[in-house]
Protein backbone atom coordinates (compact mmCIF):
# COMPACT_ATOMS: atom_id res chain seq x y z
CA UNK A 1 0.00 0.00 0.00
CA UNK A 2 1.68 3.21 -1.23
CA UNK A 3 2.27 6.05 1.23
CA UNK A 4 0.06 9.08 0.54
CA UNK A 5 2.15 11.68 2.34
CA UNK A 6 5.82 12.19 3.17
CA UNK A 7 5.75 14.73 5.98
CA UNK A 8 8.43 15.35 8.55
CA UNK A 9 7.54 14.26 12.06
CA UNK A 10 7.54 17.90 13.17
CA UNK A 11 5.20 18.96 10.35
CA UNK A 12 2.92 16.03 11.10
CA UNK A 13 2.74 16.97 14.80
CA UNK A 14 1.86 20.55 13.82
CA UNK A 15 -0.80 19.25 11.40
CA UNK A 16 -2.27 16.97 14.09
CA UNK A 17 -2.52 19.87 16.54
CA UNK A 18 -4.26 22.00 13.92
CA UNK A 19 -6.74 19.17 13.29
CA UNK A 20 -7.17 18.21 16.95
CA UNK A 21 -10.80 19.29 17.35
CA UNK A 22 -11.77 17.58 14.10
CA UNK A 23 -9.97 14.38 15.15
CA UNK A 24 -11.67 14.33 18.55
CA UNK A 25 -15.07 14.96 16.93
CA UNK A 26 -14.61 12.11 14.44
CA UNK A 27 -13.17 9.66 16.97
CA UNK A 28 -16.00 10.39 19.41
CA UNK A 29 -18.68 9.76 16.81
CA UNK A 30 -16.96 6.57 15.63
CA UNK A 31 -17.35 5.25 19.18
CA UNK A 32 -21.03 6.25 19.25
CA UNK A 33 -20.61 9.49 21.23
CA UNK A 34 -23.14 11.65 19.41
CA UNK A 35 -21.69 15.16 19.65
CA UNK A 36 -21.77 17.87 16.99
CA UNK A 37 -18.66 19.55 15.68
CA UNK A 38 -19.83 22.88 17.15
CA UNK A 39 -20.29 21.34 20.59
CA UNK A 40 -16.86 19.71 20.33
CA UNK A 41 -15.29 23.08 19.51
CA UNK A 42 -17.08 24.65 22.47
CA UNK A 43 -15.96 21.88 24.82
CA UNK A 44 -12.31 22.12 23.78
CA UNK A 45 -12.52 25.88 24.42
CA UNK A 46 -14.00 25.26 27.89
CA UNK A 47 -17.44 26.56 26.94
CA UNK A 48 -20.42 24.68 28.37
CA UNK A 49 -23.26 24.81 25.84
CA UNK A 50 -25.53 22.66 28.00
CA UNK A 51 -26.00 20.32 25.04
CA UNK A 52 -23.48 17.65 26.08
CA UNK A 53 -24.23 15.13 28.81
CA UNK A 54 -21.82 14.72 31.71
CA UNK A 55 -20.92 11.24 30.47
CA UNK A 56 -20.10 12.54 27.01
CA UNK A 57 -18.08 15.43 28.43
CA UNK A 58 -15.97 12.91 30.33
CA UNK A 59 -15.43 10.93 27.14
CA UNK A 60 -14.41 14.05 25.24
CA UNK A 61 -12.02 14.97 28.03
CA UNK A 62 -10.56 11.46 27.84
CA UNK A 63 -9.97 11.87 24.12
CA UNK A 64 -8.37 15.27 24.63
CA UNK A 65 -6.10 13.93 27.38
CA UNK A 66 -5.20 10.87 25.30
CA UNK A 67 -4.28 13.02 22.29
CA UNK A 68 -2.06 15.17 24.51
CA UNK A 69 -0.43 12.02 25.88
CA UNK A 70 0.21 10.65 22.38
CA UNK A 71 1.58 13.93 21.04
CA UNK A 72 3.95 14.13 24.01
CA UNK A 73 5.18 10.54 23.58
CA UNK A 74 5.46 10.21 19.80
CA UNK A 75 8.96 8.77 20.01
CA UNK A 76 8.19 6.15 22.64
CA UNK A 77 8.30 2.54 21.50
CA UNK A 78 4.88 1.13 20.71
CA UNK A 79 4.33 -1.75 23.13
CA UNK A 80 1.34 -3.45 24.73
CA UNK A 81 2.03 -1.44 27.89
CA UNK A 82 1.88 1.77 25.84
CA UNK A 83 -1.49 0.71 24.40
CA UNK A 84 -2.73 0.15 27.96
CA UNK A 85 -1.59 3.67 28.90
CA UNK A 86 -3.62 5.10 26.02
CA UNK A 87 -6.68 3.22 27.29
CA UNK A 88 -6.09 4.63 30.77
CA UNK A 89 -6.00 8.19 29.42
CA UNK A 90 -9.10 7.67 27.29
CA UNK A 91 -11.20 6.14 30.08
CA UNK A 92 -10.26 8.15 33.18
CA UNK A 93 -13.21 9.05 35.39
CA UNK A 94 -15.73 7.13 33.30
CA UNK A 95 -16.30 4.10 35.51
CA UNK A 96 -14.51 1.74 33.11
CA UNK A 97 -13.35 -1.34 34.98
CA UNK A 98 -10.70 -2.54 34.49
CA UNK A 99 -9.10 0.71 33.35
CA UNK A 100 -5.79 0.52 31.54
CA UNK A 101 -5.92 -3.28 31.70
CA UNK A 102 -7.30 -6.05 29.51
CA UNK A 103 -10.94 -7.02 29.93
CA UNK A 104 -11.65 -10.14 31.96
CA UNK A 105 -15.04 -10.99 30.50
CA UNK A 106 -16.66 -11.57 27.14
CA UNK A 107 -18.13 -8.78 25.02
CA UNK A 108 -20.78 -8.61 22.34
CA UNK A 109 -20.40 -6.71 19.06
CA UNK A 110 -23.34 -4.77 17.64
CA UNK A 111 -24.34 -6.01 14.18
CA UNK A 112 -22.80 -9.48 14.34
CA UNK A 113 -22.93 -12.70 16.30
CA UNK A 114 -19.13 -12.96 16.10
CA UNK A 115 -17.39 -12.76 19.47
CA UNK A 116 -13.72 -11.91 20.08
CA UNK A 117 -11.56 -14.18 22.17
CA UNK A 118 -10.78 -13.32 25.76
CA UNK A 119 -7.42 -11.55 26.15
CA UNK A 120 -6.26 -14.48 28.30
CA UNK A 121 -6.61 -16.65 25.18
CA UNK A 122 -4.48 -14.30 23.03
CA UNK A 123 -0.81 -13.45 22.67
CA UNK A 124 -1.04 -9.72 21.99
CA UNK A 125 2.72 -9.27 22.27
CA UNK A 126 3.27 -11.64 19.37
CA UNK A 127 0.38 -10.20 17.36
CA UNK A 128 1.70 -6.67 17.80
CA UNK A 129 5.17 -7.82 16.77
CA UNK A 130 3.69 -9.30 13.61
CA UNK A 131 1.89 -6.04 12.74
CA UNK A 132 4.97 -3.92 13.44
CA UNK A 133 7.18 -6.12 11.25
CA UNK A 134 5.45 -4.58 8.23
CA UNK A 135 8.06 -2.14 6.86
CA UNK A 136 5.58 -0.14 4.74
CA UNK A 137 4.57 2.75 7.00
CA UNK A 138 0.99 3.56 5.97
CA UNK A 139 0.08 -0.07 5.44
CA UNK A 140 1.39 -0.88 8.93
CA UNK A 141 -0.56 1.98 10.54
CA UNK A 142 -3.82 0.87 8.93
CA UNK A 143 -3.15 -2.74 9.96
CA UNK A 144 -2.60 -1.51 13.52
CA UNK A 145 -5.90 0.41 13.48
CA UNK A 146 -7.78 -2.67 12.23
CA UNK A 147 -6.08 -5.16 14.55
CA UNK A 148 -6.73 -3.26 17.78
CA UNK A 149 -10.42 -2.88 16.92
CA UNK A 150 -10.86 -6.58 16.19
CA UNK A 151 -8.85 -7.65 19.23
CA UNK A 152 -11.28 -5.86 21.57
CA UNK A 153 -8.62 -5.85 24.30
CA UNK A 154 -10.60 -3.61 26.61
CA UNK A 155 -14.08 -3.63 28.08
CA UNK A 156 -14.82 -0.25 26.45
CA UNK A 157 -13.13 2.31 24.22
CA UNK A 158 -11.42 -0.02 21.75
CA UNK A 159 -12.10 2.13 18.67
CA UNK A 160 -10.78 5.22 20.45
CA UNK A 161 -7.65 3.33 21.49
CA UNK A 162 -7.17 2.01 17.95
CA UNK A 163 -7.48 5.50 16.51
CA UNK A 164 -5.01 7.07 18.94
CA UNK A 165 -2.44 4.30 18.68
CA UNK A 166 -2.59 4.19 14.88
CA UNK A 167 -2.23 7.96 14.75
CA UNK A 168 0.84 7.84 17.00
CA UNK A 169 2.52 5.72 14.34
CA UNK A 170 1.07 7.82 11.50
CA UNK A 171 2.52 11.00 12.99
CA UNK A 172 5.85 9.45 13.96
CA UNK A 173 6.43 8.38 10.36
CA UNK A 174 4.97 11.43 8.60
CA UNK A 175 1.92 9.65 7.19
CA UNK A 176 -0.68 12.28 8.12
CA UNK A 177 -3.78 11.52 10.19
CA UNK A 178 -6.23 8.62 10.12
CA UNK A 179 -9.86 9.52 10.90
CA UNK A 180 -13.17 8.06 9.72
CA UNK A 181 -15.46 10.80 8.31
CA UNK A 182 -18.61 11.10 10.41
CA UNK A 183 -20.86 11.04 7.36
CA UNK A 184 -19.33 7.70 6.30
CA UNK A 185 -19.42 5.86 9.62
CA UNK A 186 -22.32 3.64 8.52
CA UNK A 187 -20.42 2.57 5.41
CA UNK A 188 -17.29 2.03 7.48
CA UNK A 189 -19.09 -0.30 9.89
CA UNK A 190 -20.23 -2.51 7.02
CA UNK A 191 -16.60 -3.17 6.13
CA UNK A 192 -15.58 -3.45 9.79
CA UNK A 193 -18.19 -6.12 10.53
CA UNK A 194 -17.07 -8.12 7.49
CA UNK A 195 -13.51 -7.93 8.79
CA UNK A 196 -14.60 -9.04 12.25
CA UNK A 197 -16.35 -12.07 10.84
CA UNK A 198 -13.72 -13.13 8.28
CA UNK A 199 -10.45 -11.81 9.75
CA UNK A 200 -9.65 -10.58 6.23
CA UNK A 201 -9.03 -6.84 6.37
CA UNK A 202 -8.35 -6.32 2.65
CA UNK A 203 -11.59 -4.50 1.79
CA UNK A 204 -11.54 -2.52 5.03
CA UNK A 205 -7.95 -1.39 4.49
CA UNK A 206 -8.67 -0.28 0.92
CA UNK A 207 -11.71 1.68 2.10
CA UNK A 208 -9.70 3.36 4.87
CA UNK A 209 -6.95 4.20 2.38
CA UNK A 210 -9.40 5.90 0.06
CA UNK A 211 -11.54 7.68 2.66
CA UNK A 212 -9.72 8.22 5.95
CA UNK A 213 -6.17 9.49 5.36
CA UNK A 214 -5.50 13.22 5.55
CA UNK A 215 -2.28 15.21 5.39
CA UNK A 216 -0.31 17.82 3.49
CA UNK A 217 2.42 17.49 0.87
């Protein structure tokens, strides 16, 4: 999969900061947090419009904190422990248990009868190593985004974690930003469910490549 952008890390960090509100808005909606772009802007600017529930405000704060964490740790090695730290930042104060640790119970997936394995049945270290062995930067980042979502490591927030972790690698290697457009979330989920059920991410990756990568030349 050919790289779309060839930015410096510094330019990519600057681009990510400029797009921060948009990224939070899209990531929130991908996880089913129904906030408008205007309300997201207001929240980031510490303005209470009265239109966002307390629960959703906490989730937006988690996304903001997680983005700050990622932007401040771009050069850290991507490990399973790092992924857990991202989950901790995303879920703080939201009653997620366990927080920053793998889930210890089964989960259901909306739209399919497929069920992910328990983390205790998986070797995430080896799976991550396999993903990271891909030397093609954009292809690896998209694989990472897909794999974390399907793994369902955590009891809640897996799509947010996948987005933040993939974008850490995107930014580190000058590949731009990965974000699913809000108006295309329904279409995205069709491909995601097929990937869940088949473990073949080919169609999903191609769709992400065409619709979800943004950057500057």
